[in-house]
Amino acid sequence: MPLSRLLTPGEVADLLCVTTHTLAVWRCEGRYTLPYVKTGRLVRYREEDVREFIEAHTNNASEASSHVR
């Protein structure tokens, strides 16, 4: 099984349009389920986990409008 690329908090923050501080709050409070790897003081995110997080939090406009009726 090939290893997933590890992203820095800065790279993930840029992808999600949030700050690195926001990511730290999410990790500390468990606000969102975004898995991370911690080695000593370093925090990294697996690229595949970030991709899955984005997919899980993507709203489909046509699905949302069908629930409004």
N, C-alpha and C. Protein backbone atom coordinates (compact mmCIF):
# COMPACT_ATOMS: atom_id res chain seq x y z
N MET A 1 0.85 -1.17 0.00
CA MET A 1 0.00 0.00 0.00
C MET A 1 0.90 1.25 0.00
N PRO A 2 0.77 2.10 -1.01
CA PRO A 2 1.60 3.30 -1.06
C PRO A 2 1.20 4.29 0.03
N LEU A 3 2.20 4.96 0.59
CA LEU A 3 1.94 5.95 1.63
C LEU A 3 1.36 7.22 1.02
N SER A 4 0.44 7.82 1.73
CA SER A 4 -0.15 9.08 1.31
C SER A 4 0.82 10.21 1.61
N ARG A 5 0.81 11.22 0.79
CA ARG A 5 1.65 12.40 1.02
C ARG A 5 1.17 13.10 2.29
N LEU A 6 2.11 13.57 3.09
CA LEU A 6 1.76 14.29 4.31
C LEU A 6 1.81 15.80 4.05
N LEU A 7 0.75 16.48 4.45
CA LEU A 7 0.63 17.93 4.26
C LEU A 7 0.85 18.65 5.57
N THR A 8 1.43 19.82 5.50
CA THR A 8 1.63 20.65 6.68
C THR A 8 0.31 21.33 7.04
N PRO A 9 0.18 21.80 8.27
CA PRO A 9 -1.02 22.57 8.64
C PRO A 9 -1.21 23.79 7.74
N GLY A 10 -0.13 24.42 7.32
CA GLY A 10 -0.24 25.57 6.42
C GLY A 10 -0.84 25.20 5.08
N GLU A 11 -0.43 24.06 4.53
CA GLU A 11 -0.97 23.60 3.25
C GLU A 11 -2.46 23.27 3.37
N VAL A 12 -2.82 22.60 4.47
CA VAL A 12 -4.22 22.23 4.68
C VAL A 12 -5.07 23.48 4.92
N ALA A 13 -4.55 24.40 5.70
CA ALA A 13 -5.28 25.65 5.96
C ALA A 13 -5.56 26.37 4.65
N ASP A 14 -4.58 26.42 3.75
CA ASP A 14 -4.79 27.06 2.45
C ASP A 14 -5.86 26.34 1.63
N LEU A 15 -5.83 25.01 1.64
CA LEU A 15 -6.82 24.23 0.89
C LEU A 15 -8.24 24.46 1.42
N LEU A 16 -8.37 24.57 2.74
CA LEU A 16 -9.70 24.70 3.36
C LEU A 16 -10.12 26.16 3.57
N CYS A 17 -9.23 27.10 3.23
CA CYS A 17 -9.51 28.53 3.42
C CYS A 17 -9.79 28.87 4.88
N VAL A 18 -8.99 28.31 5.76
CA VAL A 18 -9.04 28.63 7.19
C VAL A 18 -7.62 28.95 7.63
N THR A 19 -7.47 29.36 8.88
CA THR A 19 -6.13 29.63 9.40
C THR A 19 -5.57 28.38 10.07
N THR A 20 -4.26 28.38 10.27
CA THR A 20 -3.65 27.27 10.99
C THR A 20 -4.14 27.25 12.43
N HIS A 21 -4.48 28.41 12.96
CA HIS A 21 -5.04 28.47 14.32
C HIS A 21 -6.39 27.74 14.37
N THR A 22 -7.20 27.92 13.35
CA THR A 22 -8.49 27.22 13.29
C THR A 22 -8.28 25.72 13.27
N LEU A 23 -7.30 25.24 12.51
CA LEU A 23 -7.01 23.80 12.50
C LEU A 23 -6.60 23.32 13.89
N ALA A 24 -5.81 24.13 14.59
CA ALA A 24 -5.39 23.77 15.94
C ALA A 24 -6.58 23.68 16.88
N VAL A 25 -7.53 24.60 16.76
CA VAL A 25 -8.74 24.57 17.57
C VAL A 25 -9.55 23.32 17.25
N TRP A 26 -9.69 22.99 15.97
CA TRP A 26 -10.41 21.78 15.58
C TRP A 26 -9.77 20.55 16.21
N ARG A 27 -8.44 20.47 16.19
CA ARG A 27 -7.75 19.31 16.78
C ARG A 27 -7.98 19.26 18.27
N CYS A 28 -7.86 20.40 18.93
CA CYS A 28 -7.96 20.47 20.39
C CYS A 28 -9.37 20.15 20.88
N GLU A 29 -10.37 20.70 20.21
CA GLU A 29 -11.75 20.55 20.64
C GLU A 29 -12.45 19.36 20.00
N GLY A 30 -11.83 18.75 18.99
CA GLY A 30 -12.47 17.64 18.28
C GLY A 30 -13.70 18.09 17.52
N ARG A 31 -13.70 19.34 17.10
CA ARG A 31 -14.87 19.92 16.44
C ARG A 31 -15.20 19.22 15.12
N TYR A 32 -14.17 18.90 14.34
CA TYR A 32 -14.37 18.19 13.07
C TYR A 32 -13.51 16.94 13.08
N THR A 33 -13.95 15.95 12.36
CA THR A 33 -13.20 14.71 12.25
C THR A 33 -12.26 14.83 11.06
N LEU A 34 -11.10 15.41 11.32
CA LEU A 34 -10.05 15.52 10.31
C LEU A 34 -8.80 14.86 10.91
N PRO A 35 -8.58 13.59 10.56
CA PRO A 35 -7.46 12.87 11.15
C PRO A 35 -6.13 13.56 10.89
N TYR A 36 -5.21 13.43 11.83
CA TYR A 36 -3.88 14.00 11.67
C TYR A 36 -2.85 13.06 12.27
N VAL A 37 -1.61 13.26 11.86
CA VAL A 37 -0.48 12.48 12.34
C VAL A 37 0.35 13.41 13.21
N LYS A 38 0.69 12.98 14.41
CA LYS A 38 1.50 13.80 15.29
C LYS A 38 2.75 13.02 15.67
N THR A 39 3.89 13.62 15.37
CA THR A 39 5.18 13.04 15.71
C THR A 39 5.95 14.10 16.48
N GLY A 40 6.08 13.90 17.77
CA GLY A 40 6.70 14.94 18.59
C GLY A 40 5.83 16.19 18.55
N ARG A 41 6.44 17.30 18.15
CA ARG A 41 5.68 18.56 18.04
C ARG A 41 5.05 18.74 16.67
N LEU A 42 5.46 17.92 15.69
CA LEU A 42 4.99 18.10 14.32
C LEU A 42 3.60 17.51 14.10
N VAL A 43 2.77 18.27 13.41
CA VAL A 43 1.44 17.81 13.02
C VAL A 43 1.40 17.78 11.50
N ARG A 44 0.94 16.68 10.96
CA ARG A 44 0.79 16.53 9.52
C ARG A 44 -0.55 15.89 9.22
N TYR A 45 -1.05 16.12 8.02
CA TYR A 45 -2.33 15.56 7.58
C TYR A 45 -2.07 14.73 6.33
N ARG A 46 -2.68 13.54 6.30
CA ARG A 46 -2.56 12.71 5.09
C ARG A 46 -3.43 13.33 4.00
N GLU A 47 -2.85 13.41 2.81
CA GLU A 47 -3.55 14.03 1.68
C GLU A 47 -4.90 13.36 1.44
N GLU A 48 -4.96 12.05 1.53
CA GLU A 48 -6.22 11.34 1.28
C GLU A 48 -7.27 11.67 2.34
N ASP A 49 -6.85 11.88 3.59
CA ASP A 49 -7.79 12.25 4.65
C ASP A 49 -8.37 13.64 4.40
N VAL A 50 -7.53 14.56 3.93
CA VAL A 50 -8.00 15.92 3.62
C VAL A 50 -8.99 15.86 2.46
N ARG A 51 -8.68 15.06 1.46
CA ARG A 51 -9.58 14.91 0.30
C ARG A 51 -10.93 14.36 0.75
N GLU A 52 -10.91 13.34 1.61
CA GLU A 52 -12.15 12.75 2.11
C GLU A 52 -12.94 13.74 2.97
N PHE A 53 -12.23 14.55 3.76
CA PHE A 53 -12.87 15.57 4.58
C PHE A 53 -13.61 16.58 3.69
N ILE A 54 -12.95 17.00 2.63
CA ILE A 54 -13.57 17.97 1.70
C ILE A 54 -14.81 17.35 1.06
N GLU A 55 -14.69 16.10 0.60
CA GLU A 55 -15.84 15.42 -0.02
C GLU A 55 -17.00 15.29 0.97
N ALA A 56 -16.70 14.95 2.21
CA ALA A 56 -17.74 14.74 3.21
C ALA A 56 -18.45 16.05 3.57
N HIS A 57 -17.78 17.18 3.38
CA HIS A 57 -18.36 18.48 3.73
C HIS A 57 -18.77 19.29 2.51
N THR A 58 -18.90 18.62 1.38
CA THR A 58 -19.36 19.28 0.15
C THR A 58 -20.85 19.09 0.02
N ASN A 59 -21.57 20.19 -0.08
CA ASN A 59 -23.02 20.13 -0.23
C ASN A 59 -23.38 20.15 -1.70
N ASN A 60 -24.29 19.28 -2.07
CA ASN A 60 -24.79 19.23 -3.43
C ASN A 60 -26.02 20.12 -3.47
N ALA A 61 -25.99 21.17 -4.26
CA ALA A 61 -27.07 22.16 -4.32
C ALA A 61 -28.41 21.53 -4.69
N SER A 62 -28.40 20.58 -5.64
CA SER A 62 -29.67 19.96 -6.06
C SER A 62 -30.25 19.10 -4.95
N GLU A 63 -29.41 18.44 -4.16
CA GLU A 63 -29.91 17.64 -3.04
C GLU A 63 -30.47 18.56 -1.95
N ALA A 64 -29.80 19.67 -1.69
CA ALA A 64 -30.23 20.59 -0.66
C ALA A 64 -31.58 21.22 -1.02
N SER A 65 -31.78 21.56 -2.28
CA SER A 65 -33.03 22.20 -2.67
C SER A 65 -34.20 21.21 -2.64
N SER A 66 -33.93 19.92 -2.82
CA SER A 66 -35.01 18.94 -2.79
C SER A 66 -35.53 18.72 -1.38
N HIS A 67 -34.73 19.06 -0.35
CA HIS A 67 -35.15 18.88 1.04
C HIS A 67 -35.91 20.09 1.58
N VAL A 68 -35.93 21.18 0.84
CA VAL A 68 -36.51 22.42 1.33
C VAL A 68 -38.04 22.40 1.23
N ARG A 69 -38.59 21.65 0.37
CA ARG A 69 -40.04 21.65 0.13
C ARG A 69 -40.77 21.29 1.33
